[in-house]
């Protein structure tokens, strides 16, 4: 596991960048995930004219492909790590020739999903693997907090690891991939949940007045996470 120092107080060295430490920190599979992001979003209605929010944008693993597709200055990103955002803008974007398609004021380092400083309303958003690292109450808070900044009928896609309903949720799960094993748990990140928990949360009156939810069970995710589509009311 890569040290948490990269998230907060330590900049990436040239050696770190040459070794793609920043790419590994956000999960690797750079091209695979980038293509997956864009294909998924277009499938569910992303248009080049849309104002788009990338929640947990990191160093732009998915952002690169999305920025290329969108009209200039329509991409917005938030993350808890100023270092990762800086690397995305100053290291990854220049390699693609896309730097002139982004506005640095469209990025923000936040840990509370605050969006008011953007002074815009979004058409679509993604939160890829953000809530695999946060307890479930954060998802409730997130859906309420961001709702004023989304247009009616706008869409949000997010991913979670789900354990079958018949499983003991306390038991850890090992997810095996070609590049290693990820263990999810009930009390530690990365977290897994049951579908019934997510459904119950979204049926709460406060959430149900704001969002409709669809479980996208038919979509393939590179890490076998389950995808959810939220539609703003």
C-alpha atoms as a PDB file:
ATOM      1  CA  UNK A   1       0.000   0.000   0.000  1.00  0.00           C
ATOM      2  CA  UNK A   2       1.284   3.467  -0.841  1.00  0.00           C
ATOM      3  CA  UNK A   3       1.817   5.827   2.109  1.00  0.00           C
ATOM      4  CA  UNK A   4      -0.859   8.396   2.910  1.00  0.00           C
ATOM      5  CA  UNK A   5       1.768  11.160   2.935  1.00  0.00           C
ATOM      6  CA  UNK A   6       1.120  11.676  -0.777  1.00  0.00           C
ATOM      7  CA  UNK A   7      -2.432  12.729  -0.045  1.00  0.00           C
ATOM      8  CA  UNK A   8      -1.605  15.642   2.175  1.00  0.00           C
ATOM      9  CA  UNK A   9       1.854  16.960   3.009  1.00  0.00           C
ATOM     10  CA  UNK A  10       4.371  15.604   0.528  1.00  0.00           C
ATOM     11  CA  UNK A  11       4.713  16.556  -3.117  1.00  0.00           C
ATOM     12  CA  UNK A  12       5.566  13.967  -5.733  1.00  0.00           C
ATOM     13  CA  UNK A  13       9.238  13.971  -6.706  1.00  0.00           C
ATOM     14  CA  UNK A  14      10.414  13.653 -10.294  1.00  0.00           C
ATOM     15  CA  UNK A  15      11.366  10.059  -9.513  1.00  0.00           C
ATOM     16  CA  UNK A  16       7.853   9.420  -8.162  1.00  0.00           C
ATOM     17  CA  UNK A  17       6.320  10.796 -11.351  1.00  0.00           C
ATOM     18  CA  UNK A  18       8.699   8.820 -13.560  1.00  0.00           C
ATOM     19  CA  UNK A  19       7.634   5.671 -11.705  1.00  0.00           C
ATOM     20  CA  UNK A  20       3.930   6.614 -11.986  1.00  0.00           C
ATOM     21  CA  UNK A  21       3.491   6.517  -8.207  1.00  0.00           C
ATOM     22  CA  UNK A  22       0.542   8.890  -8.584  1.00  0.00           C
ATOM     23  CA  UNK A  23      -1.186   6.544 -11.033  1.00  0.00           C
ATOM     24  CA  UNK A  24      -0.687   3.566  -8.750  1.00  0.00           C
ATOM     25  CA  UNK A  25      -1.996   5.554  -5.795  1.00  0.00           C
ATOM     26  CA  UNK A  26      -5.398   5.903  -7.464  1.00  0.00           C
ATOM     27  CA  UNK A  27      -5.575   2.222  -8.395  1.00  0.00           C
ATOM     28  CA  UNK A  28      -3.559   1.847 -11.578  1.00  0.00           C
ATOM     29  CA  UNK A  29      -5.192   0.559 -14.782  1.00  0.00           C
ATOM     30  CA  UNK A  30      -4.863   4.066 -16.217  1.00  0.00           C
ATOM     31  CA  UNK A  31      -6.062   3.523 -19.779  1.00  0.00           C
ATOM     32  CA  UNK A  32      -8.596   0.834 -18.879  1.00  0.00           C
ATOM     33  CA  UNK A  33     -10.311   2.999 -16.319  1.00  0.00           C
ATOM     34  CA  UNK A  34     -10.128   6.138 -18.433  1.00  0.00           C
ATOM     35  CA  UNK A  35     -11.884   4.425 -21.317  1.00  0.00           C
ATOM     36  CA  UNK A  36     -14.361   2.813 -18.929  1.00  0.00           C
ATOM     37  CA  UNK A  37     -15.305   6.178 -17.399  1.00  0.00           C
ATOM     38  CA  UNK A  38     -16.059   7.795 -20.732  1.00  0.00           C
ATOM     39  CA  UNK A  39     -17.892   4.830 -22.243  1.00  0.00           C
ATOM     40  CA  UNK A  40     -20.090   4.459 -19.165  1.00  0.00           C
ATOM     41  CA  UNK A  41     -20.938   8.150 -18.976  1.00  0.00           C
ATOM     42  CA  UNK A  42     -21.780   8.428 -22.671  1.00  0.00           C
ATOM     43  CA  UNK A  43     -23.975   5.354 -22.381  1.00  0.00           C
ATOM     44  CA  UNK A  44     -26.060   7.149 -19.760  1.00  0.00           C
ATOM     45  CA  UNK A  45     -26.295  10.463 -21.524  1.00  0.00           C
ATOM     46  CA  UNK A  46     -23.146  12.546 -21.205  1.00  0.00           C
ATOM     47  CA  UNK A  47     -23.004  15.235 -23.905  1.00  0.00           C
ATOM     48  CA  UNK A  48     -20.069  17.445 -24.808  1.00  0.00           C
ATOM     49  CA  UNK A  49     -22.089  20.529 -23.820  1.00  0.00           C
ATOM     50  CA  UNK A  50     -22.724  19.252 -20.283  1.00  0.00           C
ATOM     51  CA  UNK A  51     -21.274  20.701 -17.106  1.00  0.00           C
ATOM     52  CA  UNK A  52     -19.631  17.666 -15.536  1.00  0.00           C
ATOM     53  CA  UNK A  53     -18.378  16.989 -11.993  1.00  0.00           C
ATOM     54  CA  UNK A  54     -15.737  14.354 -11.188  1.00  0.00           C
ATOM     55  CA  UNK A  55     -16.002  13.531  -7.474  1.00  0.00           C
ATOM     56  CA  UNK A  56     -12.645  12.192  -6.318  1.00  0.00           C
ATOM     57  CA  UNK A  57     -10.968  13.330  -9.538  1.00  0.00           C
ATOM     58  CA  UNK A  58      -7.472  12.584  -8.214  1.00  0.00           C
ATOM     59  CA  UNK A  59      -4.777  12.938 -10.866  1.00  0.00           C
ATOM     60  CA  UNK A  60      -7.346  12.700 -13.701  1.00  0.00           C
ATOM     61  CA  UNK A  61      -7.270   8.983 -14.466  1.00  0.00           C
ATOM     62  CA  UNK A  62     -10.790   9.292 -15.816  1.00  0.00           C
ATOM     63  CA  UNK A  63     -10.642  13.038 -16.195  1.00  0.00           C
ATOM     64  CA  UNK A  64      -8.251  12.984 -19.156  1.00  0.00           C
ATOM     65  CA  UNK A  65     -10.712  11.110 -21.367  1.00  0.00           C
ATOM     66  CA  UNK A  66     -13.669  13.158 -20.147  1.00  0.00           C
ATOM     67  CA  UNK A  67     -11.909  16.500 -20.673  1.00  0.00           C
ATOM     68  CA  UNK A  68     -11.027  15.439 -24.209  1.00  0.00           C
ATOM     69  CA  UNK A  69     -14.705  14.687 -24.902  1.00  0.00           C
ATOM     70  CA  UNK A  70     -16.281  17.739 -23.265  1.00  0.00           C
ATOM     71  CA  UNK A  71     -16.441  21.279 -24.577  1.00  0.00           C
ATOM     72  CA  UNK A  72     -13.720  23.514 -23.104  1.00  0.00           C
ATOM     73  CA  UNK A  73     -14.052  24.419 -19.405  1.00  0.00           C
ATOM     74  CA  UNK A  74     -17.009  22.063 -18.781  1.00  0.00           C
ATOM     75  CA  UNK A  75     -15.027  19.685 -16.559  1.00  0.00           C
ATOM     76  CA  UNK A  76     -14.970  20.229 -12.776  1.00  0.00           C
ATOM     77  CA  UNK A  77     -13.136  18.129 -10.211  1.00  0.00           C
ATOM     78  CA  UNK A  78     -12.975  17.800  -6.439  1.00  0.00           C
ATOM     79  CA  UNK A  79     -10.669  15.687  -4.292  1.00  0.00           C
ATOM     80  CA  UNK A  80      -9.227  15.583  -0.780  1.00  0.00           C
ATOM     81  CA  UNK A  81      -5.680  15.638  -2.170  1.00  0.00           C
ATOM     82  CA  UNK A  82      -4.172  18.864  -3.474  1.00  0.00           C
ATOM     83  CA  UNK A  83      -1.097  16.874  -4.520  1.00  0.00           C
ATOM     84  CA  UNK A  84      -3.047  14.572  -6.811  1.00  0.00           C
ATOM     85  CA  UNK A  85      -4.974  17.437  -8.404  1.00  0.00           C
ATOM     86  CA  UNK A  86      -1.720  19.327  -8.962  1.00  0.00           C
ATOM     87  CA  UNK A  87      -0.113  16.303 -10.641  1.00  0.00           C
ATOM     88  CA  UNK A  88      -3.153  15.834 -12.858  1.00  0.00           C
ATOM     89  CA  UNK A  89      -3.140  19.448 -14.044  1.00  0.00           C
ATOM     90  CA  UNK A  90       0.610  20.050 -14.251  1.00  0.00           C
ATOM     91  CA  UNK A  91       1.947  16.602 -15.206  1.00  0.00           C
ATOM     92  CA  UNK A  92      -0.737  14.532 -16.926  1.00  0.00           C
ATOM     93  CA  UNK A  93      -2.676  17.174 -18.864  1.00  0.00           C
ATOM     94  CA  UNK A  94       0.342  18.730 -20.638  1.00  0.00           C
ATOM     95  CA  UNK A  95       1.231  15.304 -22.068  1.00  0.00           C
ATOM     96  CA  UNK A  96      -2.155  15.164 -23.802  1.00  0.00           C
ATOM     97  CA  UNK A  97      -2.356  18.689 -25.214  1.00  0.00           C
ATOM     98  CA  UNK A  98      -5.580  19.263 -23.261  1.00  0.00           C
ATOM     99  CA  UNK A  99      -4.378  21.832 -20.733  1.00  0.00           C
ATOM    100  CA  UNK A 100      -6.107  24.670 -22.551  1.00  0.00           C
ATOM    101  CA  UNK A 101      -9.467  22.880 -22.199  1.00  0.00           C
ATOM    102  CA  UNK A 102      -9.554  23.201 -18.414  1.00  0.00           C
ATOM    103  CA  UNK A 103      -9.953  26.087 -16.007  1.00  0.00           C
ATOM    104  CA  UNK A 104      -7.910  25.690 -12.823  1.00  0.00           C
ATOM    105  CA  UNK A 105     -10.728  27.416 -10.937  1.00  0.00           C
ATOM    106  CA  UNK A 106     -12.866  24.398 -11.814  1.00  0.00           C
ATOM    107  CA  UNK A 107     -10.885  22.294  -9.327  1.00  0.00           C
ATOM    108  CA  UNK A 108     -11.181  22.326  -5.557  1.00  0.00           C
ATOM    109  CA  UNK A 109      -9.645  20.506  -2.619  1.00  0.00           C
ATOM    110  CA  UNK A 110     -12.531  19.652  -0.299  1.00  0.00           C
ATOM    111  CA  UNK A 111     -13.294  17.009   2.315  1.00  0.00           C
ATOM    112  CA  UNK A 112     -16.980  17.854   2.774  1.00  0.00           C
ATOM    113  CA  UNK A 113     -18.333  17.786  -0.816  1.00  0.00           C
ATOM    114  CA  UNK A 114     -18.759  21.571  -0.849  1.00  0.00           C
ATOM    115  CA  UNK A 115     -19.653  22.831  -4.347  1.00  0.00           C
ATOM    116  CA  UNK A 116     -20.978  26.357  -3.891  1.00  0.00           C
ATOM    117  CA  UNK A 117     -17.686  27.995  -4.899  1.00  0.00           C
ATOM    118  CA  UNK A 118     -18.131  26.660  -8.453  1.00  0.00           C
ATOM    119  CA  UNK A 119     -21.248  28.812  -8.909  1.00  0.00           C
ATOM    120  CA  UNK A 120     -22.776  26.425 -11.434  1.00  0.00           C
ATOM    121  CA  UNK A 121     -25.302  23.613 -11.737  1.00  0.00           C
ATOM    122  CA  UNK A 122     -24.218  20.271 -13.102  1.00  0.00           C
ATOM    123  CA  UNK A 123     -25.737  18.017 -15.739  1.00  0.00           C
ATOM    124  CA  UNK A 124     -23.836  14.877 -14.780  1.00  0.00           C
ATOM    125  CA  UNK A 125     -21.304  13.542 -12.281  1.00  0.00           C
ATOM    126  CA  UNK A 126     -19.387  10.430 -11.328  1.00  0.00           C
ATOM    127  CA  UNK A 127     -18.066   9.248  -7.959  1.00  0.00           C
ATOM    128  CA  UNK A 128     -15.886   6.326  -8.962  1.00  0.00           C
ATOM    129  CA  UNK A 129     -14.876   4.239  -5.929  1.00  0.00           C
ATOM    130  CA  UNK A 130     -15.212   7.239  -3.599  1.00  0.00           C
ATOM    131  CA  UNK A 131     -17.701   5.534  -1.293  1.00  0.00           C
ATOM    132  CA  UNK A 132     -15.762   2.291  -1.156  1.00  0.00           C
ATOM    133  CA  UNK A 133     -13.472   4.283   1.161  1.00  0.00           C
ATOM    134  CA  UNK A 134     -16.124   5.967   3.313  1.00  0.00           C
ATOM    135  CA  UNK A 135     -18.731   4.749   5.838  1.00  0.00           C
ATOM    136  CA  UNK A 136     -22.291   4.699   4.581  1.00  0.00           C
ATOM    137  CA  UNK A 137     -23.377   7.849   6.429  1.00  0.00           C
ATOM    138  CA  UNK A 138     -21.097   9.797   4.095  1.00  0.00           C
ATOM    139  CA  UNK A 139     -23.180   8.709   1.111  1.00  0.00           C
ATOM    140  CA  UNK A 140     -26.319  10.007   2.811  1.00  0.00           C
ATOM    141  CA  UNK A 141     -24.593  13.304   3.575  1.00  0.00           C
ATOM    142  CA  UNK A 142     -23.205  13.537   0.027  1.00  0.00           C
ATOM    143  CA  UNK A 143     -26.572  13.059  -1.691  1.00  0.00           C
ATOM    144  CA  UNK A 144     -28.186  15.762   0.432  1.00  0.00           C
ATOM    145  CA  UNK A 145     -25.222  18.148   0.281  1.00  0.00           C
ATOM    146  CA  UNK A 146     -24.764  18.179  -3.508  1.00  0.00           C
ATOM    147  CA  UNK A 147     -28.405  18.168  -4.554  1.00  0.00           C
ATOM    148  CA  UNK A 148     -28.814  21.996  -4.818  1.00  0.00           C
ATOM    149  CA  UNK A 149     -26.051  22.072  -7.427  1.00  0.00           C
ATOM    150  CA  UNK A 150     -27.659  19.614  -9.837  1.00  0.00           C
ATOM    151  CA  UNK A 151     -30.297  20.344 -12.433  1.00  0.00           C
ATOM    152  CA  UNK A 152     -33.584  18.407 -12.538  1.00  0.00           C
ATOM    153  CA  UNK A 153     -33.051  15.121 -14.441  1.00  0.00           C
ATOM    154  CA  UNK A 154     -29.267  15.412 -14.068  1.00  0.00           C
ATOM    155  CA  UNK A 155     -27.438  12.162 -13.399  1.00  0.00           C
ATOM    156  CA  UNK A 156     -24.885  10.838 -10.944  1.00  0.00           C
ATOM    157  CA  UNK A 157     -23.122   7.489 -11.271  1.00  0.00           C
ATOM    158  CA  UNK A 158     -21.276   5.942  -8.349  1.00  0.00           C
ATOM    159  CA  UNK A 159     -19.713   2.585  -7.562  1.00  0.00           C
ATOM    160  CA  UNK A 160     -19.699   0.366  -4.465  1.00  0.00           C
ATOM    161  CA  UNK A 161     -18.636  -3.140  -3.549  1.00  0.00           C
ATOM    162  CA  UNK A 162     -21.656  -5.271  -2.671  1.00  0.00           C
ATOM    163  CA  UNK A 163     -21.768  -8.543  -0.797  1.00  0.00           C
ATOM    164  CA  UNK A 164     -24.708 -10.940  -1.442  1.00  0.00           C
ATOM    165  CA  UNK A 165     -27.701 -10.530   0.850  1.00  0.00           C
ATOM    166  CA  UNK A 166     -27.236 -14.040   2.294  1.00  0.00           C
ATOM    167  CA  UNK A 167     -23.614 -13.362   3.300  1.00  0.00           C
ATOM    168  CA  UNK A 168     -22.467 -12.398   6.777  1.00  0.00           C
ATOM    169  CA  UNK A 169     -21.612  -8.748   6.187  1.00  0.00           C
ATOM    170  CA  UNK A 170     -19.015  -8.781   8.985  1.00  0.00           C
ATOM    171  CA  UNK A 171     -16.908 -11.349   7.137  1.00  0.00           C
ATOM    172  CA  UNK A 172     -14.137  -9.806   4.980  1.00  0.00           C
ATOM    173  CA  UNK A 173     -14.231 -10.445   1.232  1.00  0.00           C
ATOM    174  CA  UNK A 174     -11.164 -10.992  -0.945  1.00  0.00           C
ATOM    175  CA  UNK A 175     -11.573  -9.706  -4.500  1.00  0.00           C
ATOM    176  CA  UNK A 176      -8.980 -11.307  -6.752  1.00  0.00           C
ATOM    177  CA  UNK A 177      -7.661  -9.490  -9.831  1.00  0.00           C
ATOM    178  CA  UNK A 178      -4.801 -10.000 -12.241  1.00  0.00           C
ATOM    179  CA  UNK A 179      -2.742  -7.388 -10.381  1.00  0.00           C
ATOM    180  CA  UNK A 180      -3.470  -8.520  -6.827  1.00  0.00           C
ATOM    181  CA  UNK A 181      -6.109  -9.001  -4.142  1.00  0.00           C
ATOM    182  CA  UNK A 182      -8.276  -6.320  -2.530  1.00  0.00           C
ATOM    183  CA  UNK A 183      -9.919  -7.149   0.790  1.00  0.00           C
ATOM    184  CA  UNK A 184     -13.096  -5.285   1.713  1.00  0.00           C
ATOM    185  CA  UNK A 185     -14.670  -5.184   5.153  1.00  0.00           C
ATOM    186  CA  UNK A 186     -17.508  -3.951   7.308  1.00  0.00           C
ATOM    187  CA  UNK A 187     -15.540  -1.710   9.674  1.00  0.00           C
ATOM    188  CA  UNK A 188     -12.560  -0.719   7.554  1.00  0.00           C
ATOM    189  CA  UNK A 189     -11.875   0.760   4.136  1.00  0.00           C
ATOM    190  CA  UNK A 190     -12.299  -0.362   1.503  1.00  0.00           C
ATOM    191  CA  UNK A 191     -15.880  -1.083   2.566  1.00  0.00           C
ATOM    192  CA  UNK A 192     -18.488  -3.437   1.207  1.00  0.00           C
ATOM    193  CA  UNK A 193     -22.237  -3.173   1.701  1.00  0.00           C
ATOM    194  CA  UNK A 194     -25.417  -5.048   0.900  1.00  0.00           C
ATOM    195  CA  UNK A 195     -27.849  -3.796  -1.696  1.00  0.00           C
ATOM    196  CA  UNK A 196     -30.588  -3.689   0.955  1.00  0.00           C
ATOM    197  CA  UNK A 197     -28.537  -1.131   2.893  1.00  0.00           C
ATOM    198  CA  UNK A 198     -28.214   1.152  -0.120  1.00  0.00           C
ATOM    199  CA  UNK A 199     -31.875   0.755  -0.994  1.00  0.00           C
ATOM    200  CA  UNK A 200     -32.930   1.515   2.574  1.00  0.00           C
ATOM    201  CA  UNK A 201     -30.784   4.643   2.642  1.00  0.00           C
ATOM    202  CA  UNK A 202     -32.256   5.990  -0.580  1.00  0.00           C
ATOM    203  CA  UNK A 203     -35.805   5.267   0.568  1.00  0.00           C
ATOM    204  CA  UNK A 204     -35.375   7.637   3.481  1.00  0.00           C
ATOM    205  CA  UNK A 205     -37.723  10.570   2.994  1.00  0.00           C
ATOM    206  CA  UNK A 206     -34.967  13.186   2.783  1.00  0.00           C
ATOM    207  CA  UNK A 207     -33.123  11.306   0.019  1.00  0.00           C
ATOM    208  CA  UNK A 208     -36.190  10.045  -1.825  1.00  0.00           C
ATOM    209  CA  UNK A 209     -37.436  13.612  -2.309  1.00  0.00           C
ATOM    210  CA  UNK A 210     -34.175  14.504  -4.027  1.00  0.00           C
ATOM    211  CA  UNK A 211     -33.040  11.478  -6.050  1.00  0.00           C
ATOM    212  CA  UNK A 212     -34.280   8.360  -7.814  1.00  0.00           C
ATOM    213  CA  UNK A 213     -31.898   5.390  -7.834  1.00  0.00           C
ATOM    214  CA  UNK A 214     -31.339   2.621 -10.378  1.00  0.00           C
ATOM    215  CA  UNK A 215     -28.997  -0.307  -9.737  1.00  0.00           C
ATOM    216  CA  UNK A 216     -27.007  -0.868 -12.938  1.00  0.00           C
ATOM    217  CA  UNK A 217     -26.389  -4.573 -12.425  1.00  0.00           C
ATOM    218  CA  UNK A 218     -25.737  -5.222 -16.125  1.00  0.00           C
ATOM    219  CA  UNK A 219     -22.699  -2.977 -16.461  1.00  0.00           C
ATOM    220  CA  UNK A 220     -19.200  -4.387 -16.261  1.00  0.00           C
ATOM    221  CA  UNK A 221     -16.808  -2.673 -13.856  1.00  0.00           C
ATOM    222  CA  UNK A 222     -13.023  -3.235 -14.039  1.00  0.00           C
ATOM    223  CA  UNK A 223     -12.938  -4.030 -10.294  1.00  0.00           C
ATOM    224  CA  UNK A 224     -16.302  -5.820 -10.089  1.00  0.00           C
ATOM    225  CA  UNK A 225     -17.903  -2.953  -8.210  1.00  0.00           C
ATOM    226  CA  UNK A 226     -21.643  -2.445  -8.510  1.00  0.00           C
ATOM    227  CA  UNK A 227     -22.805   0.689 -10.285  1.00  0.00           C
ATOM    228  CA  UNK A 228     -25.684   2.936  -9.240  1.00  0.00           C
ATOM    229  CA  UNK A 229     -27.378   5.656 -11.248  1.00  0.00           C
ATOM    230  CA  UNK A 230     -29.002   8.524  -9.339  1.00  0.00           C
ATOM    231  CA  UNK A 231     -31.360  10.866 -11.153  1.00  0.00           C
ATOM    232  CA  UNK A 232     -32.113  14.281  -9.680  1.00  0.00           C
ATOM    233  CA  UNK A 233     -35.798  15.044  -9.133  1.00  0.00           C
END
